[in-house]
Amino acid sequence: AAMGGRGLPVPLLLLGLPLLLGLPAAGRAASKALVCQEITVPMCKGIGYNLTYMPNQFNHDTQDEAGLEVHQFWPLVEIQCSPDLRFFLCSMYTPICLSDYTKPLPPCRSVCERAKAGCSPIMQQYGFAWPERMSCDSLPVLGDSEVLCMGYNHTEATTLPPFFGKPTRPAKDMAKNLTPLDGQRLSGLDCGQTCKCKAPLIPISKESHPLYNRIRTGKVLNCAIPCYQPYFTHDEKTFATFWIGLWSILCFLSTSTTVATFLIDMERFKYPERPIIFLSACYLFVSLGYIVRLVAGHANVACNPEHHHIHYETTGPALCTVVFLLLYFFGMASSIWWVILSLTWFLAAGMKWG
C-alpha cells in the first residue's frame, strides 16, 4: 500500500514480509514505546520521511551517534554506485517512525540487494567487505502479510554501474577527482571506464619530471598529491600549527632540562629510573623535529615549489629527510623505552629485584 496518504514526501511501499531475523536489536526496539523525533542526520534529510526514533537497531542512543557511523558511507552515496544506497542506509540507521504504527519497519531485502549489487564491488576494490550486520539475508523478503517492510516504488531496475551516476551536488570533493576520461584504466573494475588525474591532484605529464611513471594515486599513474590539502580551512591550519608548535616547545624545554640534569650527575640516576632519561632524550629529538618544521615552514619541508605537490622519497630535500628521521626514529625508540621502563619498574617494585 502506498504511504503518500500518511504525509510522507515520496511514496513508500509497505509490503508484507516474514519476521525479521538476525537483527535482535530491532526486536528490542519494538518492545518499547517509540518516541518520534525529527531527523537531524544531514545525509538522511529529505529521504522520503522526516521522523525517526532512537535507539535504532544498532543501539545508537542518539542521532549524533548514528550520523557519525552512517556518514562513513558518504563517498559511496556521492558517486551513486546505487540509487538505493542512501535510502537503505537511512532506513537502517534512522528508521522511519509512524505515530500510528509502533513496530519497526525495516527496509525490504530487495532494497538491500540492489544497494549491495551496485556498491559492494567498489568496496571490495578498496579492501572493504559489505558489513555483516547489514546482511541482506537478515532482512525480510517480499510476499508475507504478517510483517511490514518499506522500499521505493521502482518501475525499473535501479542498480547503476559503478562511477556512472551523475552526482547530486557540484563536484568539489576529493572523491570525485578521478573522472572517467581517456587515461589510466583502474584494474579490477569491470565498469569499462578509464580515469584521469584531475585538480586538486597534480598531473605529471612531462617526461623530464623526476617522478614521471614512478608514482600513483588511487591506481592512476603520474598523479601526485597536492602540497596543500583542501580539507581544512586556513584558520584550522593556523591553529594546528600554533598548537603543535606550543607543545613541541614546552616538550623541548622540559626534556632538555631533564637530559641536562642527567649529564651533570650521571651516577644520580640508576635503574629503574634511568629509562626515563632515555625517554626524555627521545622526546627531545621528536620535539626538535616539530620545531624544525615550525621554523622552516611547511612549504620548505614538505612542498615541491616547482610543481606544487608534496615531496616524495626521491625528491625530498634535506629538511624533509631530517624531520622524518627525527619524528619516526626517535618516536619508535621512545615506544621501546616505554616497554623497558615498564619492565624494569615491574622487576624492581613487583619482583623486589635490587
Protein backbone atom coordinates (compact mmCIF):
# COMPACT_ATOMS: atom_id res chain seq x y z
CA ALA A 1 0.00 0.00 0.00
CA ALA A 2 1.36 3.44 -0.83
CA MET A 3 2.21 5.67 2.10
CA GLY A 4 1.59 9.02 0.40
CA GLY A 5 -1.63 9.42 2.35
CA ARG A 6 0.25 9.47 5.66
CA GLY A 7 2.13 12.67 4.98
CA LEU A 8 5.36 11.22 3.59
CA PRO A 9 7.15 13.31 0.93
CA VAL A 10 7.58 10.43 -1.53
CA PRO A 11 5.62 7.18 -1.99
CA LEU A 12 6.83 4.26 0.04
CA LEU A 13 5.67 0.68 -0.22
CA LEU A 14 4.81 -1.15 2.98
CA LEU A 15 4.95 -4.79 1.97
CA GLY A 16 4.08 -7.88 3.98
CA LEU A 17 7.22 -9.81 4.92
CA PRO A 18 8.35 -12.59 7.30
CA LEU A 19 9.61 -11.89 10.78
CA LEU A 20 12.97 -10.08 10.78
CA LEU A 21 15.81 -12.42 11.75
CA GLY A 22 19.40 -11.56 12.52
CA LEU A 23 18.62 -8.08 13.87
CA PRO A 24 17.89 -8.70 17.54
CA ALA A 25 18.18 -5.05 18.48
CA ALA A 26 15.22 -4.28 16.28
CA GLY A 27 13.11 -6.63 18.35
CA ARG A 28 14.12 -4.84 21.49
CA ALA A 29 13.16 -1.53 19.92
CA ALA A 30 9.74 -2.91 19.09
CA SER A 31 9.04 -3.69 22.74
CA LYS A 32 9.49 -0.06 23.73
CA ALA A 33 7.19 2.83 23.06
CA LEU A 34 8.58 4.67 20.05
CA VAL A 35 9.04 8.41 20.52
CA CYS A 36 9.21 10.05 17.12
CA GLN A 37 11.79 12.79 16.56
CA GLU A 38 12.67 14.83 13.53
CA ILE A 39 15.61 13.52 11.52
CA THR A 40 18.75 15.62 12.06
CA VAL A 41 21.33 13.40 10.33
CA PRO A 42 22.32 15.52 7.29
CA MET A 43 22.58 12.59 4.88
CA CYS A 44 19.09 11.37 5.76
CA LYS A 45 17.18 14.62 5.50
CA GLY A 46 14.63 14.54 2.69
CA ILE A 47 14.99 10.78 2.28
CA GLY A 48 11.25 10.24 1.91
CA TYR A 49 10.21 10.55 5.55
CA ASN A 50 11.13 13.06 8.24
CA LEU A 51 10.58 11.26 11.56
CA THR A 52 12.71 8.60 13.22
CA TYR A 53 13.25 7.10 16.67
CA MET A 54 16.19 6.19 18.85
CA PRO A 55 17.74 3.86 19.84
CA ASN A 56 17.96 2.20 16.46
CA GLN A 57 18.70 -1.45 15.77
CA PHE A 58 22.45 -0.79 16.09
CA ASN A 59 21.89 0.52 19.65
CA HIS A 60 22.76 4.12 18.81
CA ASP A 61 21.12 6.16 21.55
CA THR A 62 21.22 9.46 19.68
CA GLN A 63 21.13 10.62 16.08
CA ASP A 64 24.60 12.08 16.56
CA GLU A 65 25.98 8.58 17.16
CA ALA A 66 24.08 7.16 14.20
CA GLY A 67 25.19 10.04 11.99
CA LEU A 68 28.88 9.54 12.78
CA GLU A 69 28.68 5.95 11.61
CA VAL A 70 26.39 6.28 8.60
CA HIS A 71 28.41 9.17 7.18
CA GLN A 72 31.33 6.80 6.69
CA PHE A 73 29.37 5.62 3.64
CA TRP A 74 29.05 9.14 2.23
CA PRO A 75 31.67 8.68 -0.55
CA LEU A 76 29.65 5.75 -1.91
CA VAL A 77 26.48 7.82 -1.78
CA GLU A 78 28.23 10.67 -3.60
CA ILE A 79 29.38 8.56 -6.53
CA GLN A 80 25.92 6.97 -6.70
CA CYS A 81 27.12 3.40 -7.03
CA SER A 82 23.47 2.55 -6.35
CA PRO A 83 20.50 4.93 -6.16
CA ASP A 84 19.09 2.71 -3.40
CA LEU A 85 22.11 3.05 -1.10
CA ARG A 86 21.14 6.31 0.62
CA PHE A 87 17.59 5.18 1.31
CA PHE A 88 18.79 1.78 2.52
CA LEU A 89 21.39 3.24 4.90
CA CYS A 90 18.97 5.78 6.33
CA SER A 91 16.25 3.18 6.81
CA MET A 92 18.76 1.17 8.87
CA TYR A 93 20.38 3.99 10.88
CA THR A 94 17.41 6.38 11.13
CA PRO A 95 14.41 4.03 10.84
CA ILE A 96 11.05 5.51 9.96
CA CYS A 97 8.74 6.39 12.85
CA LEU A 98 4.95 6.38 12.40
CA SER A 99 2.67 7.62 15.16
CA ASP A 100 0.00 5.02 14.37
CA TYR A 101 2.35 2.05 13.85
CA THR A 102 4.58 1.05 16.77
CA LYS A 103 6.53 -1.81 15.21
CA PRO A 104 9.87 -1.39 13.38
CA LEU A 105 9.71 -1.01 9.60
CA PRO A 106 12.94 -2.44 8.17
CA PRO A 107 13.89 -1.99 4.52
CA CYS A 108 12.89 -4.77 2.16
CA ARG A 109 15.54 -7.30 1.22
CA SER A 110 15.28 -6.25 -2.41
CA VAL A 111 16.38 -2.71 -1.46
CA CYS A 112 19.44 -4.12 0.29
CA GLU A 113 20.28 -6.41 -2.61
CA ARG A 114 20.12 -3.57 -5.14
CA ALA A 115 22.33 -1.38 -2.96
CA LYS A 116 24.80 -4.21 -2.39
CA ALA A 117 24.92 -5.17 -6.06
CA GLY A 118 25.92 -1.65 -7.05
CA CYS A 119 28.33 -0.76 -4.23
CA SER A 120 29.86 -3.98 -2.94
CA PRO A 121 32.22 -4.36 -5.97
CA ILE A 122 33.65 -0.90 -5.34
CA MET A 123 34.09 -1.61 -1.63
CA GLN A 124 35.90 -4.85 -2.46
CA GLN A 125 38.15 -3.00 -4.88
CA TYR A 126 39.44 -0.93 -1.96
CA GLY A 127 39.62 -3.79 0.52
CA PHE A 128 36.27 -3.40 2.32
CA ALA A 129 33.61 -6.06 2.68
CA TRP A 130 29.87 -5.46 2.88
CA PRO A 131 29.10 -5.11 6.65
CA GLU A 132 27.82 -8.35 8.15
CA ARG A 133 25.25 -6.60 10.31
CA MET A 134 23.70 -5.16 7.17
CA SER A 135 23.44 -8.58 5.58
CA CYS A 136 20.59 -8.74 3.10
CA ASP A 137 19.78 -12.28 4.23
CA SER A 138 18.75 -10.95 7.64
CA LEU A 139 16.12 -8.64 6.13
CA PRO A 140 12.55 -9.63 5.25
CA VAL A 141 11.63 -10.75 1.77
CA LEU A 142 8.63 -9.69 -0.23
CA GLY A 143 5.45 -11.75 -0.03
CA ASP A 144 4.42 -12.26 3.61
CA SER A 145 1.44 -10.48 5.16
CA GLU A 146 2.50 -10.66 8.82
CA VAL A 147 5.36 -8.14 8.89
CA LEU A 148 5.72 -4.86 7.01
CA CYS A 149 8.83 -3.52 5.29
CA MET A 150 9.44 -0.46 3.16
CA GLY A 151 11.06 0.47 -0.11
CA TYR A 152 10.73 2.81 -3.07
CA ASN A 153 8.14 2.01 -5.73
CA HIS A 154 10.55 1.23 -8.57
CA THR A 155 9.21 0.74 -12.06
CA GLU A 156 12.57 -0.32 -13.49
CA ALA A 157 15.92 -1.63 -12.39
CA THR A 158 17.80 0.89 -10.29
CA THR A 159 21.29 -0.52 -9.85
CA LEU A 160 23.74 1.53 -11.87
CA PRO A 161 27.28 0.58 -12.90
CA PRO A 162 29.98 1.91 -10.58
CA PHE A 163 31.01 5.56 -11.15
CA PHE A 164 28.39 6.08 -13.88
CA GLY A 165 25.82 8.09 -11.93
CA LYS A 166 25.90 11.87 -12.02
CA PRO A 167 26.44 13.33 -8.54
CA THR A 168 23.63 15.31 -6.99
CA ARG A 169 25.99 18.12 -5.91
CA PRO A 170 28.77 20.00 -7.74
CA ALA A 171 31.98 18.06 -7.86
CA LYS A 172 34.24 19.58 -5.25
CA ASP A 173 35.34 16.70 -3.06
CA MET A 174 38.43 14.57 -3.49
CA ALA A 175 36.23 11.52 -4.07
CA LYS A 176 35.29 12.87 -7.49
CA ASN A 177 38.75 13.86 -8.65
CA LEU A 178 39.24 10.68 -10.66
CA THR A 179 36.90 11.39 -13.55
CA PRO A 180 36.03 8.92 -16.34
CA LEU A 181 38.19 10.13 -19.23
CA ASP A 182 40.75 8.74 -21.61
CA GLY A 183 43.65 7.81 -19.39
CA GLN A 184 44.59 5.09 -16.94
CA ARG A 185 42.18 2.16 -16.57
CA LEU A 186 41.51 1.13 -12.99
CA SER A 187 42.49 -2.51 -12.77
CA GLY A 188 39.91 -4.82 -11.22
CA LEU A 189 36.90 -2.65 -12.05
CA ASP A 190 34.52 -4.03 -14.62
CA CYS A 191 32.81 -0.74 -15.36
CA GLY A 192 34.70 -0.32 -18.63
CA GLN A 193 35.72 3.25 -17.81
CA THR A 194 39.11 4.88 -17.51
CA CYS A 195 40.28 7.57 -15.11
CA LYS A 196 42.49 10.61 -15.42
CA CYS A 197 44.14 12.81 -12.80
CA LYS A 198 42.16 15.96 -12.05
CA ALA A 199 42.66 19.01 -9.78
CA PRO A 200 43.35 19.41 -6.92
CA LEU A 201 45.51 16.34 -7.62
CA ILE A 202 48.64 17.21 -9.61
CA PRO A 203 49.04 15.52 -13.03
CA ILE A 204 52.62 14.79 -14.11
CA SER A 205 52.80 14.96 -17.88
CA LYS A 206 56.42 15.87 -18.64
CA GLU A 207 58.87 13.03 -19.13
CA SER A 208 61.62 15.22 -17.67
CA HIS A 209 59.85 15.26 -14.30
CA PRO A 210 61.80 13.13 -11.77
CA LEU A 211 58.58 11.33 -10.76
CA TYR A 212 57.32 10.58 -14.26
CA ASN A 213 56.00 6.99 -14.44
CA ARG A 214 57.10 6.43 -10.83
CA ILE A 215 54.12 7.40 -8.64
CA ARG A 216 50.42 6.57 -8.48
CA THR A 217 47.45 7.99 -6.63
CA GLY A 218 44.38 5.78 -6.45
CA LYS A 219 45.98 3.46 -9.03
CA VAL A 220 46.21 6.34 -11.51
CA LEU A 221 49.73 6.67 -12.88
CA ASN A 222 51.51 10.05 -12.87
CA CYS A 223 49.11 11.60 -10.38
CA ALA A 224 50.69 13.39 -7.39
CA ILE A 225 49.17 14.56 -4.12
CA PRO A 226 48.95 18.37 -3.72
CA CYS A 227 51.08 20.02 -1.08
CA TYR A 228 48.17 21.94 0.43
CA GLN A 229 45.18 19.69 1.14
CA PRO A 230 41.71 21.18 0.55
CA TYR A 231 40.10 19.52 3.57
CA PHE A 232 40.94 22.21 6.14
CA THR A 233 40.41 25.95 6.23
CA HIS A 234 43.20 28.48 6.64
CA ASP A 235 42.14 29.15 10.25
CA GLU A 236 42.22 25.43 11.07
CA LYS A 237 45.72 25.08 9.63
CA THR A 238 46.90 28.16 11.54
CA PHE A 239 45.50 26.82 14.81
CA ALA A 240 47.07 23.39 14.24
CA THR A 241 50.46 25.00 13.58
CA PHE A 242 50.18 27.11 16.74
CA TRP A 243 49.01 24.21 18.91
CA ILE A 244 51.70 21.78 17.74
CA GLY A 245 54.35 24.48 17.99
CA LEU A 246 53.33 25.40 21.54
CA TRP A 247 53.50 21.85 22.87
CA SER A 248 56.68 21.00 20.98
CA ILE A 249 58.45 24.00 22.55
CA LEU A 250 57.21 23.07 26.04
CA CYS A 251 58.30 19.48 25.47
CA PHE A 252 61.72 20.62 24.25
CA LEU A 253 62.27 22.80 27.32
CA SER A 254 61.22 20.14 29.84
CA THR A 255 63.11 17.26 28.23
CA SER A 256 66.27 19.30 27.66
CA THR A 257 66.24 20.20 31.36
CA THR A 258 65.92 16.53 32.28
CA VAL A 259 68.74 15.45 29.96
CA ALA A 260 70.99 18.28 31.15
CA THR A 261 70.43 17.25 34.77
CA PHE A 262 71.42 13.69 33.89
CA LEU A 263 74.60 14.81 32.10
CA ILE A 264 75.65 16.87 35.12
CA ASP A 265 75.36 13.93 37.54
CA MET A 266 75.06 10.58 35.74
CA GLU A 267 75.54 8.49 38.90
CA ARG A 268 72.43 10.01 40.41
CA PHE A 269 70.07 8.19 38.05
CA LYS A 270 70.16 4.40 38.23
CA TYR A 271 67.75 1.68 37.18
CA PRO A 272 64.77 1.53 37.22
CA GLU A 273 64.74 5.34 36.85
CA ARG A 274 67.35 5.58 34.11
CA PRO A 275 65.00 4.66 31.19
CA ILE A 276 63.16 7.90 31.99
CA ILE A 277 66.29 9.76 30.91
CA PHE A 278 66.41 7.93 27.60
CA LEU A 279 62.69 8.57 27.14
CA SER A 280 63.33 12.26 27.70
CA ALA A 281 66.15 12.20 25.16
CA CYS A 282 63.87 10.58 22.57
CA TYR A 283 61.12 13.12 23.09
CA LEU A 284 63.73 15.89 23.00
CA PHE A 285 64.57 14.93 19.42
CA VAL A 286 60.91 14.39 18.50
CA SER A 287 60.06 17.90 19.68
CA LEU A 288 63.11 19.17 17.79
CA GLY A 289 61.65 17.69 14.60
CA TYR A 290 58.43 19.64 15.08
CA ILE A 291 60.38 22.80 15.90
CA VAL A 292 62.46 22.46 12.70
CA ARG A 293 59.24 22.23 10.71
CA LEU A 294 57.82 25.22 12.63
CA VAL A 295 60.88 27.40 11.98
CA ALA A 296 61.49 26.34 8.37
CA GLY A 297 57.80 26.38 7.43
CA HIS A 298 55.52 23.79 5.88
CA ALA A 299 56.39 24.74 2.30
CA ASN A 300 60.15 24.40 2.76
CA VAL A 301 59.86 21.00 4.41
CA ALA A 302 57.02 19.25 2.57
CA CYS A 303 56.39 21.05 -0.72
CA ASN A 304 57.99 20.92 -4.14
CA PRO A 305 58.00 24.64 -5.04
CA GLU A 306 58.26 23.98 -8.77
CA HIS A 307 55.42 21.50 -9.18
CA HIS A 308 53.19 22.26 -6.12
CA HIS A 309 52.99 18.66 -4.93
CA ILE A 310 54.39 17.00 -1.84
CA HIS A 311 57.94 15.71 -1.72
CA TYR A 312 58.36 12.01 -2.39
CA GLU A 313 61.20 9.77 -1.28
CA THR A 314 63.28 10.54 -4.37
CA THR A 315 62.71 14.29 -4.41
CA GLY A 316 62.68 15.28 -0.75
CA PRO A 317 65.29 17.86 0.37
CA ALA A 318 67.50 17.54 3.43
CA LEU A 319 64.93 19.25 5.67
CA CYS A 320 62.24 16.75 4.73
CA THR A 321 64.57 13.85 5.46
CA VAL A 322 65.76 15.32 8.76
CA VAL A 323 62.22 15.95 10.02
CA PHE A 324 61.17 12.44 9.05
CA LEU A 325 64.13 10.81 10.82
CA LEU A 326 63.64 12.87 13.97
CA LEU A 327 59.93 12.08 14.20
CA TYR A 328 59.96 8.46 13.06
CA PHE A 329 63.19 7.08 14.50
CA PHE A 330 63.02 8.73 17.91
CA GLY A 331 59.26 8.20 18.08
CA MET A 332 59.76 4.46 17.63
CA ALA A 333 62.70 4.48 20.06
CA SER A 334 60.57 6.17 22.71
CA SER A 335 57.98 3.41 22.41
CA ILE A 336 60.67 0.79 23.03
CA TRP A 337 61.97 2.69 26.05
CA TRP A 338 58.44 2.79 27.47
CA VAL A 339 58.44 -1.02 27.37
CA ILE A 340 61.87 -1.17 29.02
CA LEU A 341 60.77 1.29 31.71
CA SER A 342 57.68 -0.79 32.47
CA LEU A 343 59.76 -3.97 32.66
CA THR A 344 62.43 -2.51 34.96
CA TRP A 345 59.82 -0.96 37.20
CA PHE A 346 57.98 -4.28 37.45
CA LEU A 347 61.19 -6.12 38.34
CA ALA A 348 62.12 -3.52 40.95
CA ALA A 349 58.72 -2.87 42.53
CA GLY A 350 56.87 -6.13 41.88
CA MET A 351 59.63 -8.73 42.00
CA LYS A 352 61.78 -6.78 44.51
CA TRP A 353 64.87 -7.04 42.36
CA GLY A 354 67.64 -4.82 43.61
